[in-house]
Amino acid sequence: MKQVRVQVRVQVVDQVGDQVEDQVWDQVWDQVWVQVWDQVRDQVWDQVRDQVWDQVRDQVWDRVGDQVEDQVWGQVRDQVREQTR
């Protein structure tokens, strides 16, 4: 009889232990996953945003710079032509 009680107690402890372990592990895993995912997402977003912004800024600045340079150079060239006539 004593052995049966010991076996039942061991089984109950094992089951309860497994359930508690599963619950705790699930909670910890969820928290860790959420934190890690948030950090990774924020880092990736920052990097992508910075890269895209740098590229767009460089492209726009190059275009605008070229256009302004062309316009100014064209005006200066026209003025020099008129003055030298």
PDB file of N, CA and C in Angstrom:
ATOM      1  N   MET A   1       0.828  -1.204   0.000  1.00  0.00           N
ATOM      2  CA  MET A   1       0.000   0.000   0.000  1.00  0.00           C
ATOM      3  C   MET A   1       0.864   1.256   0.000  1.00  0.00           C
ATOM      4  N   LYS A   2       1.948   1.186   0.774  1.00  0.00           N
ATOM      5  CA  LYS A   2       2.827   2.349   0.847  1.00  0.00           C
ATOM      6  C   LYS A   2       3.463   2.620  -0.513  1.00  0.00           C
ATOM      7  N   GLN A   3       3.810   1.557  -1.221  1.00  0.00           N
ATOM      8  CA  GLN A   3       4.409   1.737  -2.547  1.00  0.00           C
ATOM      9  C   GLN A   3       3.422   2.384  -3.510  1.00  0.00           C
ATOM     10  N   VAL A   4       2.173   1.988  -3.429  1.00  0.00           N
ATOM     11  CA  VAL A   4       1.148   2.562  -4.302  1.00  0.00           C
ATOM     12  C   VAL A   4       1.020   4.058  -4.032  1.00  0.00           C
ATOM     13  N   ARG A   5       1.003   4.440  -2.779  1.00  0.00           N
ATOM     14  CA  ARG A   5       0.910   5.865  -2.437  1.00  0.00           C
ATOM     15  C   ARG A   5       2.128   6.623  -2.953  1.00  0.00           C
ATOM     16  N   VAL A   6       3.288   6.026  -2.809  1.00  0.00           N
ATOM     17  CA  VAL A   6       4.519   6.675  -3.284  1.00  0.00           C
ATOM     18  C   VAL A   6       4.453   6.839  -4.797  1.00  0.00           C
ATOM     19  N   GLN A   7       3.987   5.800  -5.485  1.00  0.00           N
ATOM     20  CA  GLN A   7       3.879   5.880  -6.948  1.00  0.00           C
ATOM     21  C   GLN A   7       2.884   6.948  -7.368  1.00  0.00           C
ATOM     22  N   VAL A   8       1.742   6.972  -6.694  1.00  0.00           N
ATOM     23  CA  VAL A   8       0.725   7.988  -7.013  1.00  0.00           C
ATOM     24  C   VAL A   8       1.286   9.384  -6.762  1.00  0.00           C
ATOM     25  N   ARG A   9       1.965   9.550  -5.647  1.00  0.00           N
ATOM     26  CA  ARG A   9       2.542  10.855  -5.310  1.00  0.00           C
ATOM     27  C   ARG A   9       3.561  11.261  -6.368  1.00  0.00           C
ATOM     28  N   VAL A  10       4.402  10.322  -6.789  1.00  0.00           N
ATOM     29  CA  VAL A  10       5.413  10.614  -7.810  1.00  0.00           C
ATOM     30  C   VAL A  10       4.729  11.020  -9.112  1.00  0.00           C
ATOM     31  N   GLN A  11       3.670  10.286  -9.486  1.00  0.00           N
ATOM     32  CA  GLN A  11       2.958  10.614 -10.711  1.00  0.00           C
ATOM     33  C   GLN A  11       2.327  12.005 -10.623  1.00  0.00           C
ATOM     34  N   VAL A  12       1.682  12.285  -9.502  1.00  0.00           N
ATOM     35  CA  VAL A  12       1.039  13.591  -9.323  1.00  0.00           C
ATOM     36  C   VAL A  12       2.091  14.702  -9.368  1.00  0.00           C
ATOM     37  N   VAL A  13       3.193  14.501  -8.668  1.00  0.00           N
ATOM     38  CA  VAL A  13       4.265  15.508  -8.661  1.00  0.00           C
ATOM     39  C   VAL A  13       4.804  15.697 -10.070  1.00  0.00           C
ATOM     40  N   ASP A  14       4.978  14.578 -10.787  1.00  0.00           N
ATOM     41  CA  ASP A  14       5.472  14.682 -12.165  1.00  0.00           C
ATOM     42  C   ASP A  14       4.498  15.462 -13.036  1.00  0.00           C
ATOM     43  N   GLN A  15       3.202  15.133 -12.930  1.00  0.00           N
ATOM     44  CA  GLN A  15       2.209  15.818 -13.760  1.00  0.00           C
ATOM     45  C   GLN A  15       2.150  17.301 -13.428  1.00  0.00           C
ATOM     46  N   VAL A  16       2.048  17.594 -12.137  1.00  0.00           N
ATOM     47  CA  VAL A  16       1.985  18.995 -11.717  1.00  0.00           C
ATOM     48  C   VAL A  16       3.264  19.720 -12.126  1.00  0.00           C
ATOM     49  N   GLY A  17       4.384  19.059 -11.901  1.00  0.00           N
ATOM     50  CA  GLY A  17       5.664  19.666 -12.293  1.00  0.00           C
ATOM     51  C   GLY A  17       5.711  19.955 -13.781  1.00  0.00           C
ATOM     52  N   ASP A  18       5.251  19.003 -14.586  1.00  0.00           N
ATOM     53  CA  ASP A  18       5.244  19.209 -16.034  1.00  0.00           C
ATOM     54  C   ASP A  18       4.337  20.366 -16.429  1.00  0.00           C
ATOM     55  N   GLN A  19       3.136  20.414 -15.814  1.00  0.00           N
ATOM     56  CA  GLN A  19       2.209  21.494 -16.143  1.00  0.00           C
ATOM     57  C   GLN A  19       2.789  22.852 -15.775  1.00  0.00           C
ATOM     58  N   VAL A  20       3.322  22.919 -14.554  1.00  0.00           N
ATOM     59  CA  VAL A  20       3.910  24.187 -14.104  1.00  0.00           C
ATOM     60  C   VAL A  20       5.069  24.569 -15.012  1.00  0.00           C
ATOM     61  N   GLU A  21       5.900  23.591 -15.315  1.00  0.00           N
ATOM     62  CA  GLU A  21       7.057  23.861 -16.182  1.00  0.00           C
ATOM     63  C   GLU A  21       6.594  24.345 -17.553  1.00  0.00           C
ATOM     64  N   ASP A  22       5.569  23.692 -18.096  1.00  0.00           N
ATOM     65  CA  ASP A  22       5.049  24.101 -19.405  1.00  0.00           C
ATOM     66  C   ASP A  22       4.504  25.524 -19.354  1.00  0.00           C
ATOM     67  N   GLN A  23       3.710  25.816 -18.314  1.00  0.00           N
ATOM     68  CA  GLN A  23       3.126  27.156 -18.202  1.00  0.00           C
ATOM     69  C   GLN A  23       4.218  28.214 -18.059  1.00  0.00           C
ATOM     70  N   VAL A  24       5.145  27.957 -17.168  1.00  0.00           N
ATOM     71  CA  VAL A  24       6.227  28.931 -16.941  1.00  0.00           C
ATOM     72  C   VAL A  24       7.029  29.105 -18.213  1.00  0.00           C
ATOM     73  N   TRP A  25       7.353  27.990 -18.860  1.00  0.00           N
ATOM     74  CA  TRP A  25       8.152  28.063 -20.086  1.00  0.00           C
ATOM     75  C   TRP A  25       7.403  28.834 -21.167  1.00  0.00           C
ATOM     76  N   ASP A  26       6.086  28.571 -21.287  1.00  0.00           N
ATOM     77  CA  ASP A  26       5.290  29.293 -22.281  1.00  0.00           C
ATOM     78  C   ASP A  26       5.306  30.793 -21.998  1.00  0.00           C
ATOM     79  N   GLN A  27       5.100  31.156 -20.733  1.00  0.00           N
ATOM     80  CA  GLN A  27       5.087  32.581 -20.379  1.00  0.00           C
ATOM     81  C   GLN A  27       6.441  33.224 -20.649  1.00  0.00           C
ATOM     82  N   VAL A  28       7.486  32.555 -20.190  1.00  0.00           N
ATOM     83  CA  VAL A  28       8.837  33.113 -20.380  1.00  0.00           C
ATOM     84  C   VAL A  28       9.141  33.211 -21.867  1.00  0.00           C
ATOM     85  N   TRP A  29       8.807  32.162 -22.608  1.00  0.00           N
ATOM     86  CA  TRP A  29       9.091  32.159 -24.047  1.00  0.00           C
ATOM     87  C   TRP A  29       8.338  33.279 -24.741  1.00  0.00           C
ATOM     88  N   ASP A  30       7.056  33.461 -24.367  1.00  0.00           N
ATOM     89  CA  ASP A  30       6.265  34.535 -24.977  1.00  0.00           C
ATOM     90  C   ASP A  30       6.887  35.898 -24.690  1.00  0.00           C
ATOM     91  N   GLN A  31       7.267  36.118 -23.429  1.00  0.00           N
ATOM     92  CA  GLN A  31       7.870  37.407 -23.064  1.00  0.00           C
ATOM     93  C   GLN A  31       9.186  37.625 -23.806  1.00  0.00           C
ATOM     94  N   VAL A  32      10.021  36.595 -23.801  1.00  0.00           N
ATOM     95  CA  VAL A  32      11.323  36.724 -24.474  1.00  0.00           C
ATOM     96  C   VAL A  32      11.107  36.958 -25.965  1.00  0.00           C
ATOM     97  N   TRP A  33      10.191  36.192 -26.565  1.00  0.00           N
ATOM     98  CA  TRP A  33       9.934  36.323 -27.992  1.00  0.00           C
ATOM     99  C   TRP A  33       9.442  37.727 -28.332  1.00  0.00           C
ATOM    100  N   VAL A  34       8.522  38.237 -27.519  1.00  0.00           N
ATOM    101  CA  VAL A  34       7.988  39.578 -27.775  1.00  0.00           C
ATOM    102  C   VAL A  34       9.099  40.623 -27.667  1.00  0.00           C
ATOM    103  N   GLN A  35       9.908  40.531 -26.614  1.00  0.00           N
ATOM    104  CA  GLN A  35      11.000  41.497 -26.432  1.00  0.00           C
ATOM    105  C   GLN A  35      12.001  41.412 -27.576  1.00  0.00           C
ATOM    106  N   VAL A  36      12.413  40.189 -27.886  1.00  0.00           N
ATOM    107  CA  VAL A  36      13.403  40.017 -28.958  1.00  0.00           C
ATOM    108  C   VAL A  36      12.833  40.506 -30.275  1.00  0.00           C
ATOM    109  N   TRP A  37      11.589  40.135 -30.563  1.00  0.00           N
ATOM    110  CA  TRP A  37      10.962  40.538 -31.818  1.00  0.00           C
ATOM    111  C   TRP A  37      10.855  42.059 -31.898  1.00  0.00           C
ATOM    112  N   ASP A  38      10.456  42.700 -30.787  1.00  0.00           N
ATOM    113  CA  ASP A  38      10.365  44.159 -30.785  1.00  0.00           C
ATOM    114  C   ASP A  38      11.718  44.793 -31.073  1.00  0.00           C
ATOM    115  N   GLN A  39      12.745  44.307 -30.397  1.00  0.00           N
ATOM    116  CA  GLN A  39      14.081  44.868 -30.594  1.00  0.00           C
ATOM    117  C   GLN A  39      14.552  44.672 -32.021  1.00  0.00           C
ATOM    118  N   VAL A  40      14.420  43.437 -32.503  1.00  0.00           N
ATOM    119  CA  VAL A  40      14.882  43.147 -33.863  1.00  0.00           C
ATOM    120  C   VAL A  40      14.104  43.986 -34.870  1.00  0.00           C
ATOM    121  N   ARG A  41      12.784  44.054 -34.684  1.00  0.00           N
ATOM    122  CA  ARG A  41      11.956  44.825 -35.605  1.00  0.00           C
ATOM    123  C   ARG A  41      12.372  46.299 -35.594  1.00  0.00           C
ATOM    124  N   ASP A  42      12.584  46.842 -34.392  1.00  0.00           N
ATOM    125  CA  ASP A  42      12.977  48.249 -34.295  1.00  0.00           C
ATOM    126  C   ASP A  42      14.328  48.479 -34.963  1.00  0.00           C
ATOM    127  N   GLN A  43      15.289  47.594 -34.687  1.00  0.00           N
ATOM    128  CA  GLN A  43      16.620  47.750 -35.279  1.00  0.00           C
ATOM    129  C   GLN A  43      16.554  47.665 -36.800  1.00  0.00           C
ATOM    130  N   VAL A  44      15.851  46.641 -37.293  1.00  0.00           N
ATOM    131  CA  VAL A  44      15.750  46.461 -38.743  1.00  0.00           C
ATOM    132  C   VAL A  44      15.051  47.660 -39.362  1.00  0.00           C
ATOM    133  N   TRP A  45      13.976  48.111 -38.737  1.00  0.00           N
ATOM    134  CA  TRP A  45      13.236  49.251 -39.263  1.00  0.00           C
ATOM    135  C   TRP A  45      14.122  50.485 -39.305  1.00  0.00           C
ATOM    136  N   ASP A  46      14.880  50.723 -38.221  1.00  0.00           N
ATOM    137  CA  ASP A  46      15.766  51.882 -38.193  1.00  0.00           C
ATOM    138  C   ASP A  46      16.807  51.801 -39.311  1.00  0.00           C
ATOM    139  N   GLN A  47      17.405  50.625 -39.457  1.00  0.00           N
ATOM    140  CA  GLN A  47      18.432  50.459 -40.491  1.00  0.00           C
ATOM    141  C   GLN A  47      17.852  50.676 -41.881  1.00  0.00           C
ATOM    142  N   VAL A  48      16.723  50.012 -42.138  1.00  0.00           N
ATOM    143  CA  VAL A  48      16.115  50.128 -43.463  1.00  0.00           C
ATOM    144  C   VAL A  48      15.715  51.576 -43.726  1.00  0.00           C
ATOM    145  N   ARG A  49      15.099  52.200 -42.727  1.00  0.00           N
ATOM    146  CA  ARG A  49      14.667  53.586 -42.903  1.00  0.00           C
ATOM    147  C   ARG A  49      15.865  54.497 -43.175  1.00  0.00           C
ATOM    148  N   ASP A  50      16.942  54.287 -42.406  1.00  0.00           N
ATOM    149  CA  ASP A  50      18.142  55.105 -42.615  1.00  0.00           C
ATOM    150  C   ASP A  50      18.726  54.889 -44.003  1.00  0.00           C
ATOM    151  N   GLN A  51      18.823  53.624 -44.409  1.00  0.00           N
ATOM    152  CA  GLN A  51      19.397  53.335 -45.729  1.00  0.00           C
ATOM    153  C   GLN A  51      18.542  53.936 -46.840  1.00  0.00           C
ATOM    154  N   VAL A  52      17.244  53.685 -46.749  1.00  0.00           N
ATOM    155  CA  VAL A  52      16.347  54.202 -47.787  1.00  0.00           C
ATOM    156  C   VAL A  52      16.403  55.730 -47.808  1.00  0.00           C
ATOM    157  N   TRP A  53      16.379  56.329 -46.633  1.00  0.00           N
ATOM    158  CA  TRP A  53      16.411  57.793 -46.562  1.00  0.00           C
ATOM    159  C   TRP A  53      17.701  58.328 -47.156  1.00  0.00           C
ATOM    160  N   ASP A  54      18.831  57.686 -46.829  1.00  0.00           N
ATOM    161  CA  ASP A  54      20.110  58.125 -47.388  1.00  0.00           C
ATOM    162  C   ASP A  54      20.103  58.020 -48.910  1.00  0.00           C
ATOM    163  N   GLN A  55      19.599  56.896 -49.417  1.00  0.00           N
ATOM    164  CA  GLN A  55      19.575  56.708 -50.866  1.00  0.00           C
ATOM    165  C   GLN A  55      18.675  57.739 -51.538  1.00  0.00           C
ATOM    166  N   VAL A  56      17.478  57.892 -50.996  1.00  0.00           N
ATOM    167  CA  VAL A  56      16.531  58.846 -51.590  1.00  0.00           C
ATOM    168  C   VAL A  56      17.114  60.250 -51.528  1.00  0.00           C
ATOM    169  N   ARG A  57      17.676  60.608 -50.373  1.00  0.00           N
ATOM    170  CA  ARG A  57      18.245  61.943 -50.223  1.00  0.00           C
ATOM    171  C   ARG A  57      19.377  62.166 -51.219  1.00  0.00           C
ATOM    172  N   ASP A  58      20.242  61.148 -51.339  1.00  0.00           N
ATOM    173  CA  ASP A  58      21.358  61.275 -52.284  1.00  0.00           C
ATOM    174  C   ASP A  58      20.850  61.425 -53.712  1.00  0.00           C
ATOM    175  N   GLN A  59      19.876  60.583 -54.088  1.00  0.00           N
ATOM    176  CA  GLN A  59      19.354  60.650 -55.456  1.00  0.00           C
ATOM    177  C   GLN A  59      18.691  62.001 -55.717  1.00  0.00           C
ATOM    178  N   VAL A  60      17.823  62.417 -54.797  1.00  0.00           N
ATOM    179  CA  VAL A  60      17.115  63.687 -54.980  1.00  0.00           C
ATOM    180  C   VAL A  60      18.109  64.835 -55.007  1.00  0.00           C
ATOM    181  N   TRP A  61      19.069  64.793 -54.094  1.00  0.00           N
ATOM    182  CA  TRP A  61      20.043  65.874 -54.021  1.00  0.00           C
ATOM    183  C   TRP A  61      20.882  65.926 -55.288  1.00  0.00           C
ATOM    184  N   ASP A  62      21.260  64.747 -55.795  1.00  0.00           N
ATOM    185  CA  ASP A  62      22.029  64.709 -57.047  1.00  0.00           C
ATOM    186  C   ASP A  62      21.217  65.305 -58.188  1.00  0.00           C
ATOM    187  N   ARG A  63      19.947  64.909 -58.289  1.00  0.00           N
ATOM    188  CA  ARG A  63      19.103  65.429 -59.379  1.00  0.00           C
ATOM    189  C   ARG A  63      18.919  66.932 -59.256  1.00  0.00           C
ATOM    190  N   VAL A  64      18.534  67.357 -58.053  1.00  0.00           N
ATOM    191  CA  VAL A  64      18.303  68.788 -57.843  1.00  0.00           C
ATOM    192  C   VAL A  64      19.599  69.550 -58.088  1.00  0.00           C
ATOM    193  N   GLY A  65      20.697  69.015 -57.557  1.00  0.00           N
ATOM    194  CA  GLY A  65      21.989  69.673 -57.770  1.00  0.00           C
ATOM    195  C   GLY A  65      22.326  69.790 -59.237  1.00  0.00           C
ATOM    196  N   ASP A  66      22.105  68.719 -59.993  1.00  0.00           N
ATOM    197  CA  ASP A  66      22.388  68.750 -61.429  1.00  0.00           C
ATOM    198  C   ASP A  66      21.498  69.770 -62.129  1.00  0.00           C
ATOM    199  N   GLN A  67      20.205  69.772 -61.788  1.00  0.00           N
ATOM    200  CA  GLN A  67      19.283  70.707 -62.432  1.00  0.00           C
ATOM    201  C   GLN A  67      19.677  72.150 -62.129  1.00  0.00           C
ATOM    202  N   VAL A  68      19.932  72.421 -60.844  1.00  0.00           N
ATOM    203  CA  VAL A  68      20.299  73.791 -60.452  1.00  0.00           C
ATOM    204  C   VAL A  68      21.602  74.193 -61.142  1.00  0.00           C
ATOM    205  N   GLU A  69      22.549  73.275 -61.142  1.00  0.00           N
ATOM    206  CA  GLU A  69      23.839  73.566 -61.783  1.00  0.00           C
ATOM    207  C   GLU A  69      23.641  73.849 -63.271  1.00  0.00           C
ATOM    208  N   ASP A  70      22.809  73.022 -63.923  1.00  0.00           N
ATOM    209  CA  ASP A  70      22.545  73.235 -65.352  1.00  0.00           C
ATOM    210  C   ASP A  70      21.879  74.586 -65.589  1.00  0.00           C
ATOM    211  N   GLN A  71      20.888  74.921 -64.757  1.00  0.00           N
ATOM    212  CA  GLN A  71      20.175  76.189 -64.936  1.00  0.00           C
ATOM    213  C   GLN A  71      21.122  77.372 -64.725  1.00  0.00           C
ATOM    214  N   VAL A  72      21.849  77.314 -63.620  1.00  0.00           N
ATOM    215  CA  VAL A  72      22.749  78.429 -63.305  1.00  0.00           C
ATOM    216  C   VAL A  72      23.819  78.553 -64.391  1.00  0.00           C
ATOM    217  N   TRP A  73      24.373  77.427 -64.769  1.00  0.00           N
ATOM    218  CA  TRP A  73      25.430  77.454 -65.793  1.00  0.00           C
ATOM    219  C   TRP A  73      24.868  77.964 -67.110  1.00  0.00           C
ATOM    220  N   GLY A  74      23.626  77.575 -67.433  1.00  0.00           N
ATOM    221  CA  GLY A  74      22.996  78.057 -68.665  1.00  0.00           C
ATOM    222  C   GLY A  74      22.779  79.561 -68.616  1.00  0.00           C
ATOM    223  N   GLN A  75      22.330  80.074 -67.475  1.00  0.00           N
ATOM    224  CA  GLN A  75      22.114  81.514 -67.341  1.00  0.00           C
ATOM    225  C   GLN A  75      23.432  82.268 -67.465  1.00  0.00           C
ATOM    226  N   VAL A  76      24.458  81.767 -66.762  1.00  0.00           N
ATOM    227  CA  VAL A  76      25.765  82.432 -66.812  1.00  0.00           C
ATOM    228  C   VAL A  76      26.288  82.421 -68.241  1.00  0.00           C
ATOM    229  N   ARG A  77      26.151  81.297 -68.933  1.00  0.00           N
ATOM    230  CA  ARG A  77      26.634  81.183 -70.302  1.00  0.00           C
ATOM    231  C   ARG A  77      25.894  82.163 -71.202  1.00  0.00           C
ATOM    232  N   ASP A  78      24.553  82.258 -71.016  1.00  0.00           N
ATOM    233  CA  ASP A  78      23.762  83.187 -71.823  1.00  0.00           C
ATOM    234  C   ASP A  78      24.189  84.628 -71.569  1.00  0.00           C
ATOM    235  N   GLN A  79      24.408  84.985 -70.299  1.00  0.00           N
ATOM    236  CA  GLN A  79      24.816  86.352 -69.964  1.00  0.00           C
ATOM    237  C   GLN A  79      26.181  86.666 -70.573  1.00  0.00           C
ATOM    238  N   VAL A  80      27.079  85.705 -70.474  1.00  0.00           N
ATOM    239  CA  VAL A  80      28.430  85.927 -71.036  1.00  0.00           C
ATOM    240  C   VAL A  80      28.319  86.100 -72.533  1.00  0.00           C
ATOM    241  N   ARG A  81      27.480  85.335 -73.192  1.00  0.00           N
ATOM    242  CA  ARG A  81      27.306  85.475 -74.660  1.00  0.00           C
ATOM    243  C   ARG A  81      26.789  86.863 -74.999  1.00  0.00           C
ATOM    244  N   GLU A  82      25.757  87.317 -74.231  1.00  0.00           N
ATOM    245  CA  GLU A  82      25.173  88.629 -74.530  1.00  0.00           C
ATOM    246  C   GLU A  82      26.184  89.738 -74.315  1.00  0.00           C
ATOM    247  N   GLN A  83      26.990  89.623 -73.263  1.00  0.00           N
ATOM    248  CA  GLN A  83      27.951  90.679 -72.959  1.00  0.00           C
ATOM    249  C   GLN A  83      29.086  90.699 -73.986  1.00  0.00           C
ATOM    250  N   THR A  84      29.428  89.562 -74.516  1.00  0.00           N
ATOM    251  CA  THR A  84      30.562  89.528 -75.453  1.00  0.00           C
ATOM    252  C   THR A  84      30.157  89.836 -76.884  1.00  0.00           C
ATOM    253  N   ARG A  85      28.851  89.994 -77.147  1.00  0.00           N
ATOM    254  CA  ARG A  85      28.413  90.330 -78.504  1.00  0.00           C
ATOM    255  C   ARG A  85      28.765  91.735 -78.860  1.00  0.00           C
TER     256      ARG A  85
END
